[in-house]
């Protein structure tokens, strides 16, 4: 997910929330990460965690975040494995008080996925997504 103000302030100042990243060379791990101006992989300060999952590509799983003004929790099949707390400093640390664009990004290569090269002999590959849902709490409760 990328902050709505990406065109105005650029990345990583707009904020990025990686709900689920799967890297081919690390087949049994899923990553959940946020990137901000203060916390990003270019500075080696990104706030992310990996969780081990046996053969994540053989069955459906639910990858989710619970995002409030105070925190972002990353969940795999209903269990929190990464917790990012709002430190109440500046938008450099917490640009998450704005709308975000949801993106499904099928990246090949890059700083993370391309670190060990790409085996072109594995293609084509399927990617099956059962659903994408967004829920919002009723603020009048």
N, C-alpha and C. Protein backbone atom coordinates (compact mmCIF):
# COMPACT_ATOMS: atom_id res chain seq x y z
N UNK A 1 0.85 -1.17 0.00
CA UNK A 1 0.00 0.00 0.00
C UNK A 1 0.90 1.23 0.00
N UNK A 2 0.50 2.24 -0.73
CA UNK A 2 1.25 3.50 -0.77
C UNK A 2 0.35 4.66 -0.39
N UNK A 3 0.94 5.63 0.32
CA UNK A 3 0.20 6.80 0.76
C UNK A 3 -0.35 7.59 -0.42
N UNK A 4 -1.52 8.15 -0.20
CA UNK A 4 -2.21 8.93 -1.23
C UNK A 4 -1.37 10.11 -1.72
N UNK A 5 -0.47 10.62 -0.89
CA UNK A 5 0.33 11.79 -1.26
C UNK A 5 1.65 11.42 -1.95
N UNK A 6 1.75 10.24 -2.50
CA UNK A 6 3.00 9.79 -3.13
C UNK A 6 3.47 10.75 -4.22
N UNK A 7 2.58 11.22 -5.06
CA UNK A 7 2.99 12.11 -6.16
C UNK A 7 3.54 13.43 -5.63
N UNK A 8 3.05 13.89 -4.49
CA UNK A 8 3.50 15.17 -3.93
C UNK A 8 4.82 15.04 -3.16
N UNK A 9 4.96 14.00 -2.34
CA UNK A 9 6.13 13.92 -1.46
C UNK A 9 7.10 12.81 -1.84
N UNK A 10 6.70 11.89 -2.72
CA UNK A 10 7.58 10.80 -3.15
C UNK A 10 7.67 9.68 -2.11
N UNK A 11 8.40 8.66 -2.53
CA UNK A 11 8.66 7.52 -1.65
C UNK A 11 10.01 7.73 -1.01
N UNK A 12 10.20 7.46 0.24
CA UNK A 12 9.35 6.77 1.19
C UNK A 12 8.53 7.71 2.09
N UNK A 13 8.60 9.03 1.83
CA UNK A 13 7.89 9.97 2.69
C UNK A 13 6.38 9.73 2.70
N UNK A 14 5.84 9.20 1.59
CA UNK A 14 4.40 8.93 1.53
C UNK A 14 3.99 7.76 2.41
N UNK A 15 4.95 6.92 2.77
CA UNK A 15 4.67 5.71 3.55
C UNK A 15 4.34 4.54 2.65
N UNK A 16 4.74 3.38 3.08
CA UNK A 16 4.44 2.14 2.38
C UNK A 16 4.14 1.07 3.43
N UNK A 17 3.11 0.30 3.19
CA UNK A 17 2.76 -0.83 4.05
C UNK A 17 2.76 -2.08 3.17
N UNK A 18 3.70 -2.96 3.43
CA UNK A 18 3.77 -4.23 2.71
C UNK A 18 3.02 -5.27 3.54
N UNK A 19 1.77 -5.51 3.19
CA UNK A 19 0.93 -6.43 3.95
C UNK A 19 1.50 -7.85 3.88
N UNK A 20 1.98 -8.22 2.71
CA UNK A 20 2.55 -9.55 2.52
C UNK A 20 3.57 -9.49 1.40
N UNK A 21 4.78 -9.92 1.71
CA UNK A 21 5.80 -10.09 0.68
C UNK A 21 6.30 -11.52 0.76
N UNK A 22 6.44 -12.11 -0.40
CA UNK A 22 6.97 -13.46 -0.50
C UNK A 22 8.12 -13.41 -1.50
N UNK A 23 9.28 -13.91 -1.09
CA UNK A 23 10.47 -13.85 -1.92
C UNK A 23 10.86 -15.27 -2.31
N UNK A 24 11.05 -15.49 -3.60
CA UNK A 24 11.30 -16.83 -4.12
C UNK A 24 12.46 -17.56 -3.49
N UNK A 25 13.55 -16.87 -3.18
CA UNK A 25 14.70 -17.58 -2.61
C UNK A 25 14.53 -17.89 -1.12
N UNK A 26 13.48 -17.36 -0.51
CA UNK A 26 13.19 -17.61 0.90
C UNK A 26 11.76 -18.15 0.97
N UNK A 27 11.57 -19.34 0.40
CA UNK A 27 10.24 -19.86 0.07
C UNK A 27 9.30 -20.07 1.24
N UNK A 28 9.80 -20.27 2.43
CA UNK A 28 8.93 -20.55 3.57
C UNK A 28 8.86 -19.38 4.54
N UNK A 29 8.99 -18.19 4.03
CA UNK A 29 8.88 -16.98 4.85
C UNK A 29 7.95 -15.98 4.18
N UNK A 30 7.21 -15.27 5.02
CA UNK A 30 6.38 -14.15 4.59
C UNK A 30 6.87 -12.94 5.37
N UNK A 31 6.92 -11.79 4.72
CA UNK A 31 7.40 -10.57 5.35
C UNK A 31 6.26 -9.56 5.45
N UNK A 32 6.22 -8.82 6.55
CA UNK A 32 5.31 -7.69 6.74
C UNK A 32 6.14 -6.51 7.19
N UNK A 33 6.06 -5.39 6.44
CA UNK A 33 7.00 -4.29 6.65
C UNK A 33 6.33 -2.95 6.41
N UNK A 34 6.80 -1.92 7.13
CA UNK A 34 6.45 -0.54 6.78
C UNK A 34 7.73 0.19 6.39
N UNK A 35 7.57 1.12 5.46
CA UNK A 35 8.66 2.00 5.05
C UNK A 35 8.17 3.43 5.18
N UNK A 36 9.00 4.27 5.78
CA UNK A 36 8.70 5.69 5.93
C UNK A 36 9.98 6.47 5.65
N UNK A 37 9.90 7.78 5.74
CA UNK A 37 11.11 8.59 5.53
C UNK A 37 12.17 8.25 6.58
N UNK A 38 11.76 8.00 7.81
CA UNK A 38 12.71 7.67 8.88
C UNK A 38 13.07 6.18 8.89
N UNK A 39 12.13 5.34 8.49
CA UNK A 39 12.32 3.89 8.58
C UNK A 39 12.16 3.26 7.20
N UNK A 40 13.28 3.00 6.54
CA UNK A 40 13.21 2.39 5.21
C UNK A 40 14.47 1.58 4.93
N UNK A 41 14.38 0.72 3.93
CA UNK A 41 15.50 -0.19 3.64
C UNK A 41 16.73 0.53 3.09
N UNK A 42 16.57 1.71 2.54
CA UNK A 42 17.73 2.46 2.05
C UNK A 42 18.64 2.87 3.22
N UNK A 43 18.02 3.14 4.37
CA UNK A 43 18.77 3.50 5.58
C UNK A 43 19.01 2.28 6.47
N UNK A 44 18.45 1.13 6.05
CA UNK A 44 18.50 -0.10 6.85
C UNK A 44 17.79 0.07 8.20
N UNK A 45 16.73 0.87 8.20
CA UNK A 45 15.95 1.13 9.41
C UNK A 45 14.49 0.68 9.28
N UNK A 46 14.14 0.01 8.15
CA UNK A 46 12.74 -0.38 7.96
C UNK A 46 12.26 -1.23 9.12
N UNK A 47 10.97 -1.15 9.37
CA UNK A 47 10.36 -1.91 10.46
C UNK A 47 9.59 -3.06 9.84
N UNK A 48 10.21 -4.22 9.87
CA UNK A 48 9.58 -5.38 9.28
C UNK A 48 9.97 -6.64 10.02
N UNK A 49 9.18 -7.66 9.80
CA UNK A 49 9.47 -8.97 10.37
C UNK A 49 9.09 -10.04 9.37
N UNK A 50 9.71 -11.16 9.53
CA UNK A 50 9.36 -12.33 8.74
C UNK A 50 8.74 -13.36 9.66
N UNK A 51 7.89 -14.18 9.08
CA UNK A 51 7.31 -15.29 9.81
C UNK A 51 7.48 -16.53 8.95
N UNK A 52 7.86 -17.62 9.59
CA UNK A 52 8.02 -18.89 8.89
C UNK A 52 6.65 -19.50 8.66
N UNK A 53 6.44 -20.01 7.45
CA UNK A 53 5.20 -20.69 7.11
C UNK A 53 5.56 -21.82 6.16
N UNK A 54 5.24 -23.04 6.54
CA UNK A 54 5.59 -24.20 5.73
C UNK A 54 4.82 -24.20 4.42
N UNK A 55 5.54 -24.09 3.32
CA UNK A 55 4.97 -24.14 1.97
C UNK A 55 3.78 -23.20 1.78
N UNK A 56 3.99 -21.91 1.87
CA UNK A 56 2.87 -20.96 1.77
C UNK A 56 2.20 -20.97 0.40
N UNK A 57 2.81 -21.59 -0.56
CA UNK A 57 2.32 -21.58 -1.94
C UNK A 57 1.42 -22.77 -2.24
N UNK A 58 1.16 -23.67 -1.28
CA UNK A 58 0.34 -24.86 -1.53
C UNK A 58 -1.09 -24.76 -1.03
N UNK A 59 -1.41 -23.73 -0.26
CA UNK A 59 -2.78 -23.57 0.23
C UNK A 59 -3.06 -22.09 0.47
N UNK A 60 -4.34 -21.76 0.61
CA UNK A 60 -4.72 -20.37 0.85
C UNK A 60 -4.42 -19.99 2.30
N UNK A 61 -4.00 -18.74 2.48
CA UNK A 61 -3.77 -18.16 3.79
C UNK A 61 -4.37 -16.76 3.79
N UNK A 62 -4.62 -16.23 4.98
CA UNK A 62 -5.14 -14.88 5.10
C UNK A 62 -4.02 -13.98 5.62
N UNK A 63 -3.63 -13.04 4.80
CA UNK A 63 -2.62 -12.04 5.15
C UNK A 63 -3.37 -10.75 5.41
N UNK A 64 -3.13 -10.13 6.55
CA UNK A 64 -3.95 -8.96 6.92
C UNK A 64 -3.15 -7.99 7.77
N UNK A 65 -3.68 -6.77 7.84
CA UNK A 65 -3.20 -5.80 8.83
C UNK A 65 -4.41 -5.27 9.57
N UNK A 66 -4.20 -4.92 10.81
CA UNK A 66 -5.16 -4.14 11.58
C UNK A 66 -4.47 -2.80 11.84
N UNK A 67 -5.04 -1.76 11.27
CA UNK A 67 -4.39 -0.45 11.22
C UNK A 67 -5.29 0.55 11.93
N UNK A 68 -4.76 1.15 12.98
CA UNK A 68 -5.47 2.18 13.72
C UNK A 68 -4.56 3.40 13.82
N UNK A 69 -5.02 4.52 14.35
CA UNK A 69 -4.13 5.67 14.54
C UNK A 69 -2.97 5.37 15.49
N UNK A 70 -3.06 4.32 16.28
CA UNK A 70 -2.03 4.01 17.27
C UNK A 70 -1.05 2.91 16.86
N UNK A 71 -1.44 2.05 15.90
CA UNK A 71 -0.58 0.91 15.58
C UNK A 71 -0.98 0.26 14.26
N UNK A 72 -0.06 -0.55 13.75
CA UNK A 72 -0.34 -1.43 12.62
C UNK A 72 0.12 -2.82 13.04
N UNK A 73 -0.80 -3.76 13.08
CA UNK A 73 -0.47 -5.14 13.37
C UNK A 73 -0.54 -5.95 12.09
N UNK A 74 0.45 -6.79 11.86
CA UNK A 74 0.49 -7.68 10.71
C UNK A 74 0.07 -9.06 11.18
N UNK A 75 -0.86 -9.67 10.44
CA UNK A 75 -1.40 -10.97 10.84
C UNK A 75 -1.26 -11.99 9.71
N UNK A 76 -1.00 -13.21 10.12
CA UNK A 76 -1.03 -14.35 9.22
C UNK A 76 -2.02 -15.34 9.80
N UNK A 77 -3.08 -15.61 9.05
CA UNK A 77 -4.13 -16.53 9.49
C UNK A 77 -4.63 -16.19 10.89
N UNK A 78 -4.81 -14.89 11.14
CA UNK A 78 -5.40 -14.42 12.39
C UNK A 78 -4.44 -14.22 13.54
N UNK A 79 -3.14 -14.51 13.35
CA UNK A 79 -2.16 -14.37 14.44
C UNK A 79 -1.21 -13.21 14.14
N UNK A 80 -1.06 -12.30 15.10
CA UNK A 80 -0.18 -11.15 14.94
C UNK A 80 1.27 -11.62 15.00
N UNK A 81 2.06 -11.22 14.00
CA UNK A 81 3.49 -11.53 14.02
C UNK A 81 4.38 -10.30 13.93
N UNK A 82 3.79 -9.14 13.66
CA UNK A 82 4.57 -7.90 13.66
C UNK A 82 3.66 -6.79 14.16
N UNK A 83 4.20 -5.96 15.06
CA UNK A 83 3.45 -4.86 15.67
C UNK A 83 4.27 -3.58 15.51
N UNK A 84 3.69 -2.60 14.82
CA UNK A 84 4.33 -1.30 14.63
C UNK A 84 3.53 -0.28 15.43
N UNK A 85 4.19 0.38 16.36
CA UNK A 85 3.53 1.34 17.24
C UNK A 85 3.74 2.76 16.73
N UNK A 86 2.71 3.57 16.77
CA UNK A 86 2.83 4.99 16.46
C UNK A 86 3.61 5.66 17.60
N UNK A 87 4.77 6.20 17.28
CA UNK A 87 5.61 6.85 18.29
C UNK A 87 5.20 8.29 18.56
N UNK A 88 4.24 8.80 17.81
CA UNK A 88 3.75 10.17 17.96
C UNK A 88 4.88 11.19 17.84
N UNK A 89 5.69 11.02 16.79
CA UNK A 89 6.76 11.99 16.51
C UNK A 89 6.31 12.86 15.34
N UNK A 90 6.78 12.56 14.13
CA UNK A 90 6.42 13.36 12.95
C UNK A 90 5.94 12.43 11.85
N UNK A 91 5.56 13.02 10.71
CA UNK A 91 5.17 12.19 9.57
C UNK A 91 6.36 11.44 8.98
N UNK A 92 7.57 11.81 9.35
CA UNK A 92 8.75 11.04 8.91
C UNK A 92 8.70 9.62 9.49
N UNK A 93 8.15 9.48 10.69
CA UNK A 93 8.04 8.17 11.33
C UNK A 93 6.66 7.53 11.09
N UNK A 94 5.61 8.36 11.03
CA UNK A 94 4.24 7.84 10.93
C UNK A 94 3.44 8.62 9.89
N UNK A 95 3.61 8.27 8.61
CA UNK A 95 2.82 8.93 7.57
C UNK A 95 1.48 8.24 7.32
N UNK A 96 1.01 7.48 8.30
CA UNK A 96 -0.13 6.60 8.12
C UNK A 96 -1.46 7.22 8.54
N UNK A 97 -1.49 8.54 8.72
CA UNK A 97 -2.74 9.24 9.02
C UNK A 97 -3.31 9.86 7.75
N UNK A 98 -3.39 9.06 6.71
CA UNK A 98 -3.93 9.50 5.43
C UNK A 98 -4.49 8.27 4.72
N UNK A 99 -5.15 8.50 3.60
CA UNK A 99 -5.63 7.37 2.79
C UNK A 99 -4.45 6.72 2.08
N UNK A 100 -4.59 5.42 1.85
CA UNK A 100 -3.57 4.65 1.14
C UNK A 100 -4.19 3.93 -0.04
N UNK A 101 -3.39 3.74 -1.09
CA UNK A 101 -3.80 2.98 -2.26
C UNK A 101 -3.40 1.52 -2.04
N UNK A 102 -4.33 0.63 -2.25
CA UNK A 102 -4.06 -0.79 -2.16
C UNK A 102 -3.53 -1.26 -3.50
N UNK A 103 -2.41 -1.96 -3.48
CA UNK A 103 -1.79 -2.44 -4.72
C UNK A 103 -1.46 -3.91 -4.59
N UNK A 104 -1.66 -4.64 -5.67
CA UNK A 104 -1.16 -6.00 -5.76
C UNK A 104 0.02 -5.92 -6.70
N UNK A 105 1.19 -6.12 -6.15
CA UNK A 105 2.43 -5.93 -6.89
C UNK A 105 3.10 -7.28 -7.08
N UNK A 106 3.25 -7.68 -8.31
CA UNK A 106 3.95 -8.91 -8.63
C UNK A 106 5.32 -8.49 -9.16
N UNK A 107 6.25 -8.31 -8.23
CA UNK A 107 7.57 -7.80 -8.59
C UNK A 107 8.54 -8.96 -8.82
N UNK A 108 9.34 -8.82 -9.84
CA UNK A 108 10.43 -9.76 -10.11
C UNK A 108 11.71 -8.96 -10.04
N UNK A 109 12.61 -9.40 -9.18
CA UNK A 109 13.87 -8.67 -9.03
C UNK A 109 13.78 -7.66 -7.93
N UNK A 110 14.48 -6.56 -8.10
CA UNK A 110 14.50 -5.52 -7.08
C UNK A 110 15.53 -5.80 -5.99
N UNK A 111 15.57 -4.90 -5.00
CA UNK A 111 16.55 -5.02 -3.92
C UNK A 111 16.35 -6.27 -3.07
N UNK A 112 15.10 -6.68 -2.86
CA UNK A 112 14.85 -7.85 -2.02
C UNK A 112 14.75 -9.11 -2.88
N UNK A 113 13.81 -9.15 -3.77
CA UNK A 113 13.57 -10.36 -4.56
C UNK A 113 14.68 -10.71 -5.54
N UNK A 114 15.41 -9.72 -6.03
CA UNK A 114 16.46 -9.98 -7.00
C UNK A 114 17.84 -10.14 -6.41
N UNK A 115 17.92 -10.13 -5.10
CA UNK A 115 19.21 -10.19 -4.41
C UNK A 115 20.04 -11.40 -4.83
N UNK A 116 19.39 -12.51 -5.08
CA UNK A 116 20.12 -13.74 -5.46
C UNK A 116 19.86 -14.12 -6.91
N UNK A 117 19.37 -13.18 -7.70
CA UNK A 117 19.09 -13.46 -9.10
C UNK A 117 17.72 -14.10 -9.27
N UNK A 118 17.35 -14.29 -10.52
CA UNK A 118 16.05 -14.86 -10.85
C UNK A 118 16.27 -16.02 -11.81
N UNK A 119 15.67 -17.16 -11.50
CA UNK A 119 15.75 -18.34 -12.36
C UNK A 119 14.65 -18.24 -13.40
N UNK A 120 15.00 -17.86 -14.60
CA UNK A 120 14.03 -17.69 -15.67
C UNK A 120 13.37 -18.98 -16.11
N UNK A 121 13.92 -20.12 -15.72
CA UNK A 121 13.36 -21.42 -16.12
C UNK A 121 12.11 -21.80 -15.35
N UNK A 122 11.75 -21.05 -14.32
CA UNK A 122 10.58 -21.41 -13.51
C UNK A 122 9.27 -20.89 -14.09
N UNK A 123 9.34 -20.07 -15.12
CA UNK A 123 8.14 -19.44 -15.66
C UNK A 123 7.53 -20.26 -16.77
N UNK A 124 6.21 -20.21 -16.95
CA UNK A 124 5.25 -19.37 -16.24
C UNK A 124 4.85 -19.97 -14.89
N UNK A 125 4.36 -19.13 -14.01
CA UNK A 125 3.90 -19.53 -12.68
C UNK A 125 2.51 -18.93 -12.44
N UNK A 126 1.62 -19.67 -11.76
CA UNK A 126 0.31 -19.08 -11.43
C UNK A 126 0.38 -18.30 -10.12
N UNK A 127 -0.50 -17.33 -10.00
CA UNK A 127 -0.72 -16.63 -8.74
C UNK A 127 -2.22 -16.55 -8.57
N UNK A 128 -2.73 -17.21 -7.56
CA UNK A 128 -4.18 -17.30 -7.37
C UNK A 128 -4.55 -16.55 -6.10
N UNK A 129 -5.43 -15.56 -6.25
CA UNK A 129 -5.91 -14.76 -5.12
C UNK A 129 -7.40 -15.01 -4.99
N UNK A 130 -7.81 -15.48 -3.83
CA UNK A 130 -9.22 -15.79 -3.62
C UNK A 130 -10.03 -14.51 -3.44
N UNK A 131 -9.53 -13.57 -2.62
CA UNK A 131 -10.25 -12.33 -2.41
C UNK A 131 -9.33 -11.27 -1.81
N UNK A 132 -9.75 -10.01 -1.97
CA UNK A 132 -9.14 -8.86 -1.31
C UNK A 132 -10.29 -8.08 -0.69
N UNK A 133 -10.19 -7.85 0.61
CA UNK A 133 -11.27 -7.13 1.30
C UNK A 133 -10.68 -6.03 2.16
N UNK A 134 -11.45 -4.96 2.31
CA UNK A 134 -11.09 -3.87 3.21
C UNK A 134 -12.30 -3.63 4.11
N UNK A 135 -12.03 -3.61 5.41
CA UNK A 135 -13.08 -3.33 6.40
C UNK A 135 -12.71 -2.06 7.13
N UNK A 136 -13.71 -1.30 7.53
CA UNK A 136 -13.49 -0.09 8.29
C UNK A 136 -14.40 -0.11 9.50
N UNK A 137 -13.82 0.19 10.66
CA UNK A 137 -14.62 0.26 11.89
C UNK A 137 -15.61 1.41 11.78
N UNK A 138 -16.76 1.22 12.34
CA UNK A 138 -17.76 2.28 12.41
C UNK A 138 -17.31 3.24 13.51
N UNK A 139 -17.00 4.47 13.16
CA UNK A 139 -16.49 5.44 14.13
C UNK A 139 -17.58 5.97 15.06
N UNK A 140 -18.83 5.64 14.81
CA UNK A 140 -19.94 6.14 15.64
C UNK A 140 -20.25 5.19 16.80
N UNK A 141 -19.49 4.13 16.94
CA UNK A 141 -19.76 3.17 18.01
C UNK A 141 -19.19 3.66 19.31
